[in-house]
PDB file of N, CA and C in Angstrom:
ATOM      1  N   MET A   1     -30.967 -15.590 -15.709  1.00  0.00           N
ATOM      2  CA  MET A   1     -31.154 -16.241 -14.538  1.00  0.00           C
ATOM      3  C   MET A   1     -29.439 -16.144 -14.260  1.00  0.00           C
ATOM      4  N   THR A   2     -28.517 -16.449 -15.739  1.00  0.00           N
ATOM      5  CA  THR A   2     -27.282 -16.970 -15.336  1.00  0.00           C
ATOM      6  C   THR A   2     -26.579 -15.703 -14.713  1.00  0.00           C
ATOM      7  N   THR A   3     -27.759 -14.082 -15.236  1.00  0.00           N
ATOM      8  CA  THR A   3     -26.570 -13.045 -15.297  1.00  0.00           C
ATOM      9  C   THR A   3     -27.077 -13.094 -13.314  1.00  0.00           C
ATOM     10  N   HIS A   4     -28.097 -13.416 -13.222  1.00  0.00           N
ATOM     11  CA  HIS A   4     -28.694 -13.053 -12.059  1.00  0.00           C
ATOM     12  C   HIS A   4     -27.558 -13.716 -10.818  1.00  0.00           C
ATOM     13  N   MET A   5     -27.514 -15.168 -11.131  1.00  0.00           N
ATOM     14  CA  MET A   5     -26.736 -16.236 -10.452  1.00  0.00           C
ATOM     15  C   MET A   5     -25.083 -15.281  -9.825  1.00  0.00           C
ATOM     16  N   SER A   6     -25.018 -15.057 -11.413  1.00  0.00           N
ATOM     17  CA  SER A   6     -23.050 -14.660 -11.287  1.00  0.00           C
ATOM     18  C   SER A   6     -23.312 -13.105 -10.638  1.00  0.00           C
ATOM     19  N   ALA A   7     -24.412 -12.098 -10.350  1.00  0.00           N
ATOM     20  CA  ALA A   7     -23.985 -11.009  -9.382  1.00  0.00           C
ATOM     21  C   ALA A   7     -24.426 -11.241  -8.469  1.00  0.00           C
ATOM     22  N   LEU A   8     -24.908 -12.754  -7.594  1.00  0.00           N
ATOM     23  CA  LEU A   8     -25.425 -13.294  -6.163  1.00  0.00           C
ATOM     24  C   LEU A   8     -24.115 -14.077  -6.047  1.00  0.00           C
ATOM     25  N   ASP A   9     -23.184 -14.833  -7.248  1.00  0.00           N
ATOM     26  CA  ASP A   9     -22.108 -15.241  -6.506  1.00  0.00           C
ATOM     27  C   ASP A   9     -20.684 -13.972  -6.407  1.00  0.00           C
ATOM     28  N   GLU A  10     -20.612 -13.142  -7.073  1.00  0.00           N
ATOM     29  CA  GLU A  10     -19.621 -11.692  -7.145  1.00  0.00           C
ATOM     30  C   GLU A  10     -20.074 -10.899  -6.004  1.00  0.00           C
ATOM     31  N   SER A  11     -21.472 -10.891  -5.277  1.00  0.00           N
ATOM     32  CA  SER A  11     -21.572 -10.372  -4.060  1.00  0.00           C
ATOM     33  C   SER A  11     -21.318 -11.258  -2.996  1.00  0.00           C
ATOM     34  N   GLY A  12     -21.892 -12.453  -2.834  1.00  0.00           N
ATOM     35  CA  GLY A  12     -20.900 -13.422  -2.243  1.00  0.00           C
ATOM     36  C   GLY A  12     -19.287 -13.035  -1.387  1.00  0.00           C
ATOM     37  N   LEU A  13     -18.926 -12.913  -3.118  1.00  0.00           N
ATOM     38  CA  LEU A  13     -17.223 -12.894  -2.680  1.00  0.00           C
ATOM     39  C   LEU A  13     -16.939 -11.643  -2.736  1.00  0.00           C
ATOM     40  N   ASN A  14     -17.718 -10.633  -2.555  1.00  0.00           N
ATOM     41  CA  ASN A  14     -17.307  -9.184  -1.991  1.00  0.00           C
ATOM     42  C   ASN A  14     -17.373  -8.973  -0.733  1.00  0.00           C
ATOM     43  N   ASP A  15     -18.299 -10.082   0.220  1.00  0.00           N
ATOM     44  CA  ASP A  15     -18.792  -9.993   1.276  1.00  0.00           C
ATOM     45  C   ASP A  15     -17.515 -10.983   1.840  1.00  0.00           C
ATOM     46  N   ILE A  16     -17.452 -11.913   1.301  1.00  0.00           N
ATOM     47  CA  ILE A  16     -15.970 -12.902   2.047  1.00  0.00           C
ATOM     48  C   ILE A  16     -14.809 -11.844   1.683  1.00  0.00           C
ATOM     49  N   ARG A  17     -14.375 -10.900   0.649  1.00  0.00           N
ATOM     50  CA  ARG A  17     -13.673 -10.052   0.852  1.00  0.00           C
ATOM     51  C   ARG A  17     -13.601  -8.965   1.611  1.00  0.00           C
ATOM     52  N   LEU A  18     -14.677  -8.663   1.821  1.00  0.00           N
ATOM     53  CA  LEU A  18     -15.019  -7.582   3.153  1.00  0.00           C
ATOM     54  C   LEU A  18     -14.713  -8.309   4.561  1.00  0.00           C
ATOM     55  N   SER A  19     -15.241  -9.528   4.447  1.00  0.00           N
ATOM     56  CA  SER A  19     -15.084  -9.778   5.750  1.00  0.00           C
ATOM     57  C   SER A  19     -13.305 -10.415   6.382  1.00  0.00           C
ATOM     58  N   THR A  20     -12.716 -11.128   5.371  1.00  0.00           N
ATOM     59  CA  THR A  20     -11.288 -11.007   5.542  1.00  0.00           C
ATOM     60  C   THR A  20     -10.263  -9.703   5.698  1.00  0.00           C
ATOM     61  N   ALA A  21     -10.650  -8.846   5.349  1.00  0.00           N
ATOM     62  CA  ALA A  21     -10.387  -7.580   5.375  1.00  0.00           C
ATOM     63  C   ALA A  21     -10.894  -6.893   6.511  1.00  0.00           C
ATOM     64  N   ASN A  22     -11.680  -6.943   7.057  1.00  0.00           N
ATOM     65  CA  ASN A  22     -12.056  -6.553   8.574  1.00  0.00           C
ATOM     66  C   ASN A  22     -11.557  -8.101   9.415  1.00  0.00           C
ATOM     67  N   ASP A  23     -10.963  -8.890   9.419  1.00  0.00           N
ATOM     68  CA  ASP A  23     -10.191 -10.194  10.094  1.00  0.00           C
ATOM     69  C   ASP A  23      -9.009  -9.643  10.238  1.00  0.00           C
ATOM     70  N   VAL A  24      -8.593  -8.942   8.989  1.00  0.00           N
ATOM     71  CA  VAL A  24      -7.094  -8.469   9.266  1.00  0.00           C
ATOM     72  C   VAL A  24      -6.861  -7.430   9.325  1.00  0.00           C
ATOM     73  N   LEU A  25      -7.632  -6.449   8.904  1.00  0.00           N
ATOM     74  CA  LEU A  25      -7.312  -5.544   9.443  1.00  0.00           C
ATOM     75  C   LEU A  25      -7.802  -4.555  10.582  1.00  0.00           C
ATOM     76  N   VAL A  26      -8.947  -5.004  11.089  1.00  0.00           N
ATOM     77  CA  VAL A  26      -8.748  -4.241  12.384  1.00  0.00           C
ATOM     78  C   VAL A  26      -8.251  -4.603  13.772  1.00  0.00           C
ATOM     79  N   PRO A  27      -7.622  -6.201  13.943  1.00  0.00           N
ATOM     80  CA  PRO A  27      -6.628  -6.084  14.850  1.00  0.00           C
ATOM     81  C   PRO A  27      -5.342  -5.791  14.666  1.00  0.00           C
ATOM     82  N   ILE A  28      -5.095  -5.360  13.315  1.00  0.00           N
ATOM     83  CA  ILE A  28      -3.743  -4.732  12.686  1.00  0.00           C
ATOM     84  C   ILE A  28      -3.685  -3.390  13.374  1.00  0.00           C
ATOM     85  N   ILE A  29      -4.634  -2.566  12.924  1.00  0.00           N
ATOM     86  CA  ILE A  29      -5.129  -0.475  13.444  1.00  0.00           C
ATOM     87  C   ILE A  29      -5.098  -0.962  14.724  1.00  0.00           C
ATOM     88  N   ARG A  30      -5.984  -2.031  15.712  1.00  0.00           N
ATOM     89  CA  ARG A  30      -6.041  -1.789  17.285  1.00  0.00           C
ATOM     90  C   ARG A  30      -4.136  -1.575  17.158  1.00  0.00           C
ATOM     91  N   GLN A  31      -3.371  -2.492  16.863  1.00  0.00           N
ATOM     92  CA  GLN A  31      -2.072  -2.952  17.769  1.00  0.00           C
ATOM     93  C   GLN A  31      -1.750  -1.278  17.369  1.00  0.00           C
ATOM     94  N   LYS A  32      -1.069  -1.280  16.195  1.00  0.00           N
ATOM     95  CA  LYS A  32      -0.773  -0.224  15.610  1.00  0.00           C
ATOM     96  C   LYS A  32      -1.248   1.343  16.278  1.00  0.00           C
ATOM     97  N   PHE A  33      -1.627   1.304  16.937  1.00  0.00           N
ATOM     98  CA  PHE A  33      -2.393   2.737  17.327  1.00  0.00           C
ATOM     99  C   PHE A  33      -1.768   2.588  18.459  1.00  0.00           C
ATOM    100  N   LYS A  34      -2.226   1.753  19.498  1.00  0.00           N
ATOM    101  CA  LYS A  34      -1.819   1.180  21.268  1.00  0.00           C
ATOM    102  C   LYS A  34      -0.501   1.681  20.746  1.00  0.00           C
ATOM    103  N   GLU A  35       0.668   0.957  19.620  1.00  0.00           N
ATOM    104  CA  GLU A  35       1.672   0.954  19.689  1.00  0.00           C
ATOM    105  C   GLU A  35       2.450   2.863  19.573  1.00  0.00           C
ATOM    106  N   ALA A  36       1.690   3.445  18.556  1.00  0.00           N
ATOM    107  CA  ALA A  36       2.080   4.558  18.409  1.00  0.00           C
ATOM    108  C   ALA A  36       1.919   5.717  19.571  1.00  0.00           C
ATOM    109  N   LYS A  37       0.653   5.510  20.370  1.00  0.00           N
ATOM    110  CA  LYS A  37       0.303   6.036  21.181  1.00  0.00           C
ATOM    111  C   LYS A  37       1.218   6.033  22.581  1.00  0.00           C
ATOM    112  N   LYS A  38       1.774   4.828  22.450  1.00  0.00           N
ATOM    113  CA  LYS A  38       2.548   4.609  23.696  1.00  0.00           C
ATOM    114  C   LYS A  38       4.297   5.183  23.301  1.00  0.00           C
ATOM    115  N   ASN A  39       4.635   4.837  22.120  1.00  0.00           N
ATOM    116  CA  ASN A  39       5.524   5.390  21.577  1.00  0.00           C
ATOM    117  C   ASN A  39       5.900   6.842  21.992  1.00  0.00           C
ATOM    118  N   TRP A  40       4.566   7.599  21.325  1.00  0.00           N
ATOM    119  CA  TRP A  40       4.598   9.117  21.104  1.00  0.00           C
ATOM    120  C   TRP A  40       4.466   9.768  22.620  1.00  0.00           C
ATOM    121  N   SER A  41       3.903   9.079  23.585  1.00  0.00           N
ATOM    122  CA  SER A  41       4.019   9.693  24.453  1.00  0.00           C
ATOM    123  C   SER A  41       5.190   9.954  25.586  1.00  0.00           C
ATOM    124  N   VAL A  42       5.743   8.903  25.727  1.00  0.00           N
ATOM    125  CA  VAL A  42       7.071   8.547  25.718  1.00  0.00           C
ATOM    126  C   VAL A  42       8.426   9.276  24.808  1.00  0.00           C
ATOM    127  N   TYR A  43       8.154   9.644  23.693  1.00  0.00           N
ATOM    128  CA  TYR A  43       8.850  10.291  23.241  1.00  0.00           C
ATOM    129  C   TYR A  43       8.385  11.613  23.822  1.00  0.00           C
ATOM    130  N   VAL A  44       6.995  12.092  23.556  1.00  0.00           N
ATOM    131  CA  VAL A  44       7.254  13.327  23.813  1.00  0.00           C
ATOM    132  C   VAL A  44       7.802  14.185  25.153  1.00  0.00           C
ATOM    133  N   LYS A  45       7.531  13.002  26.411  1.00  0.00           N
ATOM    134  CA  LYS A  45       8.087  12.944  27.930  1.00  0.00           C
ATOM    135  C   LYS A  45       9.817  13.395  27.614  1.00  0.00           C
ATOM    136  N   GLU A  46      10.051  12.804  26.831  1.00  0.00           N
ATOM    137  CA  GLU A  46      11.788  12.631  26.944  1.00  0.00           C
ATOM    138  C   GLU A  46      12.297  13.792  25.996  1.00  0.00           C
ATOM    139  N   GLU A  47      11.717  14.712  25.125  1.00  0.00           N
ATOM    140  CA  GLU A  47      11.979  15.461  23.965  1.00  0.00           C
ATOM    141  C   GLU A  47      11.081  16.874  24.830  1.00  0.00           C
ATOM    142  N   THR A  48      10.262  17.059  25.811  1.00  0.00           N
ATOM    143  CA  THR A  48       9.477  18.180  26.040  1.00  0.00           C
ATOM    144  C   THR A  48      11.093  19.194  26.025  1.00  0.00           C
ATOM    145  N   SER A  49      12.101  19.455  26.416  1.00  0.00           N
ATOM    146  CA  SER A  49      12.888  20.356  26.058  1.00  0.00           C
ATOM    147  C   SER A  49      13.416  21.095  24.915  1.00  0.00           C
ATOM    148  N   GLU A  50      13.131  20.155  23.671  1.00  0.00           N
ATOM    149  CA  GLU A  50      13.029  20.522  22.434  1.00  0.00           C
ATOM    150  C   GLU A  50      12.587  21.665  21.756  1.00  0.00           C
ATOM    151  N   SER A  51      13.390  22.100  20.609  1.00  0.00           N
ATOM    152  CA  SER A  51      12.656  23.338  20.040  1.00  0.00           C
ATOM    153  C   SER A  51      10.844  22.555  19.046  1.00  0.00           C
ATOM    154  N   ALA A  52      10.170  23.924  18.982  1.00  0.00           N
ATOM    155  CA  ALA A  52       8.972  22.992  17.971  1.00  0.00           C
ATOM    156  C   ALA A  52       9.554  22.472  16.710  1.00  0.00           C
ATOM    157  N   HIS A  53      10.327  22.808  16.326  1.00  0.00           N
ATOM    158  CA  HIS A  53      11.081  22.520  15.180  1.00  0.00           C
ATOM    159  C   HIS A  53      11.378  20.882  15.142  1.00  0.00           C
ATOM    160  N   THR A  54      12.114  20.706  16.191  1.00  0.00           N
ATOM    161  CA  THR A  54      12.383  19.354  16.267  1.00  0.00           C
ATOM    162  C   THR A  54      11.210  18.335  16.447  1.00  0.00           C
ATOM    163  N   LEU A  55      10.286  19.154  17.432  1.00  0.00           N
ATOM    164  CA  LEU A  55       9.050  17.980  17.455  1.00  0.00           C
ATOM    165  C   LEU A  55       7.955  17.496  16.061  1.00  0.00           C
ATOM    166  N   SER A  56       7.856  18.519  15.827  1.00  0.00           N
ATOM    167  CA  SER A  56       7.713  18.522  14.399  1.00  0.00           C
ATOM    168  C   SER A  56       8.512  17.702  12.868  1.00  0.00           C
ATOM    169  N   ARG A  57       9.638  18.105  13.038  1.00  0.00           N
ATOM    170  CA  ARG A  57      10.431  16.580  12.345  1.00  0.00           C
ATOM    171  C   ARG A  57       9.684  15.102  12.740  1.00  0.00           C
ATOM    172  N   ALA A  58       9.880  15.487  14.087  1.00  0.00           N
ATOM    173  CA  ALA A  58      10.055  13.973  14.868  1.00  0.00           C
ATOM    174  C   ALA A  58       8.589  13.568  14.540  1.00  0.00           C
ATOM    175  N   THR A  59       7.304  13.734  14.486  1.00  0.00           N
ATOM    176  CA  THR A  59       6.167  14.020  13.709  1.00  0.00           C
ATOM    177  C   THR A  59       6.237  13.253  12.700  1.00  0.00           C
ATOM    178  N   SER A  60       6.283  13.978  11.755  1.00  0.00           N
ATOM    179  CA  SER A  60       6.808  14.084  10.416  1.00  0.00           C
ATOM    180  C   SER A  60       7.076  12.265  10.652  1.00  0.00           C
ATOM    181  N   SER A  61       8.416  12.074  10.808  1.00  0.00           N
ATOM    182  CA  SER A  61       8.978  10.789  10.482  1.00  0.00           C
ATOM    183  C   SER A  61       8.540   9.763  11.156  1.00  0.00           C
ATOM    184  N   MET A  62       7.915   9.668  12.249  1.00  0.00           N
ATOM    185  CA  MET A  62       7.498   8.772  12.653  1.00  0.00           C
ATOM    186  C   MET A  62       6.391   8.253  12.510  1.00  0.00           C
ATOM    187  N   ARG A  63       5.108   9.391  11.517  1.00  0.00           N
ATOM    188  CA  ARG A  63       4.054   9.110  10.754  1.00  0.00           C
ATOM    189  C   ARG A  63       4.670   8.018   9.496  1.00  0.00           C
ATOM    190  N   SER A  64       5.525   8.835   8.965  1.00  0.00           N
ATOM    191  CA  SER A  64       6.004   7.810   7.428  1.00  0.00           C
ATOM    192  C   SER A  64       6.591   6.832   8.038  1.00  0.00           C
ATOM    193  N   ALA A  65       7.554   6.243   9.215  1.00  0.00           N
ATOM    194  CA  ALA A  65       8.072   5.171   9.546  1.00  0.00           C
ATOM    195  C   ALA A  65       6.653   4.279  10.335  1.00  0.00           C
ATOM    196  N   LEU A  66       5.474   5.116  10.462  1.00  0.00           N
ATOM    197  CA  LEU A  66       4.684   4.384  10.607  1.00  0.00           C
ATOM    198  C   LEU A  66       3.490   3.641   9.844  1.00  0.00           C
ATOM    199  N   THR A  67       3.497   4.918   8.975  1.00  0.00           N
ATOM    200  CA  THR A  67       2.916   4.335   7.178  1.00  0.00           C
ATOM    201  C   THR A  67       3.428   3.174   6.260  1.00  0.00           C
ATOM    202  N   GLY A  68       4.771   3.190   6.531  1.00  0.00           N
ATOM    203  CA  GLY A  68       5.400   2.434   5.896  1.00  0.00           C
ATOM    204  C   GLY A  68       5.191   1.011   6.186  1.00  0.00           C
ATOM    205  N   ARG A  69       5.479   0.841   7.661  1.00  0.00           N
ATOM    206  CA  ARG A  69       5.315  -0.379   8.327  1.00  0.00           C
ATOM    207  C   ARG A  69       4.108  -1.056   8.487  1.00  0.00           C
ATOM    208  N   PHE A  70       3.276   0.035   8.488  1.00  0.00           N
ATOM    209  CA  PHE A  70       1.593  -0.353   8.360  1.00  0.00           C
ATOM    210  C   PHE A  70       1.008  -1.513   7.883  1.00  0.00           C
ATOM    211  N   SER A  71       1.866  -0.412   6.329  1.00  0.00           N
ATOM    212  CA  SER A  71       1.749  -0.870   5.185  1.00  0.00           C
ATOM    213  C   SER A  71       1.980  -2.635   4.525  1.00  0.00           C
ATOM    214  N   LYS A  72       2.686  -2.308   4.767  1.00  0.00           N
ATOM    215  CA  LYS A  72       3.663  -3.735   5.141  1.00  0.00           C
ATOM    216  C   LYS A  72       3.157  -4.787   5.649  1.00  0.00           C
ATOM    217  N   THR A  73       2.965  -4.402   6.840  1.00  0.00           N
ATOM    218  CA  THR A  73       1.776  -6.120   7.663  1.00  0.00           C
ATOM    219  C   THR A  73       1.340  -6.319   7.533  1.00  0.00           C
ATOM    220  N   VAL A  74       0.028  -5.310   6.788  1.00  0.00           N
ATOM    221  CA  VAL A  74      -1.453  -4.913   6.452  1.00  0.00           C
ATOM    222  C   VAL A  74      -1.858  -6.013   5.250  1.00  0.00           C
ATOM    223  N   GLN A  75      -0.455  -5.948   4.253  1.00  0.00           N
ATOM    224  CA  GLN A  75      -0.188  -6.421   2.820  1.00  0.00           C
ATOM    225  C   GLN A  75      -0.095  -8.306   3.145  1.00  0.00           C
ATOM    226  N   ALA A  76       1.249  -8.011   4.118  1.00  0.00           N
ATOM    227  CA  ALA A  76       1.166  -9.681   4.559  1.00  0.00           C
ATOM    228  C   ALA A  76       0.099 -10.453   5.179  1.00  0.00           C
ATOM    229  N   ALA A  77      -0.252  -9.754   6.084  1.00  0.00           N
ATOM    230  CA  ALA A  77      -1.267 -10.687   6.919  1.00  0.00           C
ATOM    231  C   ALA A  77      -2.276 -10.810   5.943  1.00  0.00           C
ATOM    232  N   TYR A  78      -3.000  -9.963   5.325  1.00  0.00           N
ATOM    233  CA  TYR A  78      -3.774 -10.215   4.112  1.00  0.00           C
ATOM    234  C   TYR A  78      -3.799 -11.178   3.418  1.00  0.00           C
ATOM    235  N   LYS A  79      -2.401 -11.259   2.168  1.00  0.00           N
ATOM    236  CA  LYS A  79      -2.251 -12.202   2.132  1.00  0.00           C
ATOM    237  C   LYS A  79      -1.906 -13.731   2.262  1.00  0.00           C
ATOM    238  N   GLN A  80      -1.537 -13.969   3.586  1.00  0.00           N
ATOM    239  CA  GLN A  80      -1.549 -15.050   4.567  1.00  0.00           C
ATOM    240  C   GLN A  80      -3.443 -15.205   4.728  1.00  0.00           C
ATOM    241  N   LYS A  81      -4.100 -14.405   5.135  1.00  0.00           N
ATOM    242  CA  LYS A  81      -5.281 -14.570   5.109  1.00  0.00           C
ATOM    243  C   LYS A  81      -6.158 -14.777   3.642  1.00  0.00           C
ATOM    244  N   CYS A  82      -6.409 -14.675   2.991  1.00  0.00           N
ATOM    245  CA  CYS A  82      -6.597 -15.165   1.326  1.00  0.00           C
ATOM    246  C   CYS A  82      -5.773 -16.276   1.316  1.00  0.00           C
ATOM    247  N   GLU A  83      -4.663 -16.539   1.526  1.00  0.00           N
ATOM    248  CA  GLU A  83      -3.999 -18.292   1.063  1.00  0.00           C
ATOM    249  C   GLU A  83      -5.121 -19.156   1.870  1.00  0.00           C
ATOM    250  N   ALA A  84      -5.075 -19.092   3.211  1.00  0.00           N
ATOM    251  CA  ALA A  84      -5.939 -19.369   4.257  1.00  0.00           C
ATOM    252  C   ALA A  84      -7.193 -20.116   3.764  1.00  0.00           C
ATOM    253  N   LEU A  85      -8.061 -18.728   3.379  1.00  0.00           N
ATOM    254  CA  LEU A  85      -9.303 -18.969   2.509  1.00  0.00           C
ATOM    255  C   LEU A  85      -9.159 -20.045   1.682  1.00  0.00           C
ATOM    256  N   LEU A  86      -8.108 -19.531   0.763  1.00  0.00           N
ATOM    257  CA  LEU A  86      -8.296 -20.742  -0.803  1.00  0.00           C
ATOM    258  C   LEU A  86      -7.688 -22.310  -0.434  1.00  0.00           C
ATOM    259  N   LYS A  87      -7.084 -22.326   0.451  1.00  0.00           N
ATOM    260  CA  LYS A  87      -6.645 -24.035   0.852  1.00  0.00           C
ATOM    261  C   LYS A  87      -7.768 -24.516   1.778  1.00  0.00           C
ATOM    262  N   SER A  88      -8.418 -23.486   2.486  1.00  0.00           N
ATOM    263  CA  SER A  88      -9.748 -24.443   3.163  1.00  0.00           C
ATOM    264  C   SER A  88     -10.522 -25.108   2.240  1.00  0.00           C
ATOM    265  N   GLY A  89     -10.461 -23.643   0.854  1.00  0.00           N
ATOM    266  CA  GLY A  89     -11.827 -23.958  -0.302  1.00  0.00           C
ATOM    267  C   GLY A  89     -11.676 -24.949  -0.582  1.00  0.00           C
ATOM    268  N   GLU A  90     -10.388 -25.790  -0.299  1.00  0.00           N
ATOM    269  CA  GLU A  90      -9.519 -26.553  -1.969  1.00  0.00           C
ATOM    270  C   GLU A  90     -10.296 -27.911  -1.303  1.00  0.00           C
TER     271      GLU A  90
END
């Protein structure tokens, strides 16, 4: 019986983790894609006279910059959300 209850508790904890991840990640992902789309269209308009090599380099550097910033933003937001959940449970 305790094993069954333990499994239910773990399942509930996983639901909370998933919910928290969705609450944190979805708005951040939407915002970052909006920013990336806007920045990319502006950049392409400014750089249309440049060579394909330059555009390729720009794409690569933009991707790496967004990835780095995105992961730091997600980690910070997720940490804040988890801390808030822990404080509210105390």
